[in-house]
Amino acid sequence: MPTQMKKKQASSASSIASTMQQLSVSFGVALAGLTTAIFIPRTYVRGERVIHGIHDAFLLLAVLTVVSGLVFAGLKTGDGGDVSQQKVTHHGG
C-alpha cells in the first residue's frame, strides 16, 4: 500500500508541477510585455528610441532570468526524480 500512495502522490505532484510551468510561462509573457511597455516612450518618437527601449527591456529580462536561474543551482542530481520518473545512475565505485 505505501508504494501505491507514493505513486498517487507523485502523480499529484506532476500535475501541480505542470500547472506551475504553465503559470510561469504566462507570468513571463506578461512580465515581458510590461517591461517593454515601461521602456518604450509613450509619445511618438523615431524608431531608434523604440528599438533602444526594446533592447533595455531585453537586457533587464535577461538579468532577471539569470537571477532566477540561480535558484536552481542548488539542486542535486536526484531532486525531482520521483516526479519525472527518471532513474539516477551512479557510475563508479
Protein backbone atom coordinates (compact mmCIF):
# COMPACT_ATOMS: atom_id res chain seq x y z
CA MET A 1 0.00 0.00 0.00
CA PRO A 2 2.80 2.57 0.67
CA THR A 3 4.01 2.13 -2.93
CA GLN A 4 0.51 2.85 -4.25
CA MET A 5 0.30 6.01 -2.14
CA LYS A 6 3.73 7.15 -3.28
CA LYS A 7 2.69 6.75 -6.95
CA LYS A 8 -0.51 8.70 -6.28
CA GLN A 9 1.45 11.49 -4.60
CA ALA A 10 3.94 11.54 -7.49
CA SER A 11 1.05 11.84 -9.94
CA SER A 12 -0.40 14.76 -8.00
CA ALA A 13 3.00 16.41 -7.76
CA SER A 14 3.46 16.01 -11.50
CA SER A 15 0.11 17.69 -12.18
CA ILE A 16 0.97 20.55 -9.86
CA ALA A 17 4.39 20.95 -11.45
CA SER A 18 2.81 21.06 -14.92
CA THR A 19 0.36 23.73 -13.79
CA MET A 20 3.21 25.74 -12.27
CA GLN A 21 5.13 25.56 -15.55
CA GLN A 22 2.15 26.94 -17.46
CA LEU A 23 1.70 29.73 -14.91
CA SER A 24 5.40 30.55 -15.12
CA VAL A 25 5.20 30.90 -18.89
CA SER A 26 2.11 33.10 -18.59
CA PHE A 27 3.72 35.34 -15.98
CA GLY A 28 6.89 35.50 -18.09
CA VAL A 29 4.97 36.71 -21.13
CA ALA A 30 3.08 39.26 -19.02
CA LEU A 31 6.32 40.49 -17.42
CA ALA A 32 7.99 40.80 -20.82
CA GLY A 33 5.08 42.86 -22.13
CA LEU A 34 5.03 45.07 -19.04
CA THR A 35 8.78 45.59 -19.09
CA THR A 36 8.73 46.51 -22.77
CA ALA A 37 5.85 48.93 -22.19
CA ILE A 38 7.83 50.65 -19.42
CA PHE A 39 10.94 51.15 -21.58
CA ILE A 40 9.22 52.25 -24.80
CA PRO A 41 8.48 56.02 -24.95
CA ARG A 42 4.80 56.93 -24.57
CA THR A 43 4.82 59.60 -27.26
CA TYR A 44 5.57 59.19 -30.93
CA VAL A 45 9.32 59.16 -31.48
CA ARG A 46 11.69 57.95 -34.14
CA GLY A 47 12.30 54.23 -34.44
CA GLU A 48 15.75 54.35 -32.83
CA ARG A 49 14.29 55.24 -29.42
CA VAL A 50 11.74 52.43 -29.66
CA ILE A 51 14.46 49.92 -30.57
CA HIS A 52 16.63 51.23 -27.71
CA GLY A 53 13.68 50.74 -25.31
CA ILE A 54 13.19 47.18 -26.53
CA HIS A 55 16.90 46.48 -26.04
CA ASP A 56 16.76 47.85 -22.48
CA ALA A 57 13.74 45.67 -21.71
CA PHE A 58 15.50 42.65 -23.19
CA LEU A 59 18.60 43.26 -21.05
CA LEU A 60 16.53 43.63 -17.87
CA LEU A 61 14.66 40.40 -18.64
CA ALA A 62 18.00 38.64 -19.28
CA VAL A 63 19.26 39.75 -15.86
CA LEU A 64 16.04 38.55 -14.22
CA THR A 65 16.40 35.20 -15.98
CA VAL A 66 19.96 34.73 -14.72
CA VAL A 67 18.99 35.69 -11.17
CA SER A 68 16.02 33.31 -11.17
CA GLY A 69 18.26 30.57 -12.59
CA LEU A 70 20.49 30.82 -9.52
CA VAL A 71 17.66 29.24 -7.53
CA PHE A 72 18.15 26.02 -9.47
CA ALA A 73 21.92 25.94 -9.00
CA GLY A 74 21.45 24.30 -5.59
CA LEU A 75 19.50 21.32 -6.92
CA LYS A 76 21.11 17.92 -6.60
CA THR A 77 21.16 15.25 -9.34
CA GLY A 78 18.25 13.23 -7.95
CA ASP A 79 15.97 16.13 -6.99
CA GLY A 80 12.60 15.68 -8.64
CA GLY A 81 13.37 12.14 -9.76
CA ASP A 82 10.13 10.71 -8.34
CA VAL A 83 8.04 13.23 -10.25
CA SER A 84 9.89 12.88 -13.56
CA GLN A 85 10.16 9.11 -13.13
CA GLN A 86 13.84 9.18 -14.02
CA LYS A 87 16.27 6.74 -12.51
CA VAL A 88 19.55 8.14 -11.28
CA THR A 89 22.51 6.03 -12.38
CA HIS A 90 25.58 6.15 -10.17
CA HIS A 91 28.81 5.49 -12.03
CA GLY A 92 31.96 4.19 -10.45
CA GLY A 93 32.80 2.92 -7.01
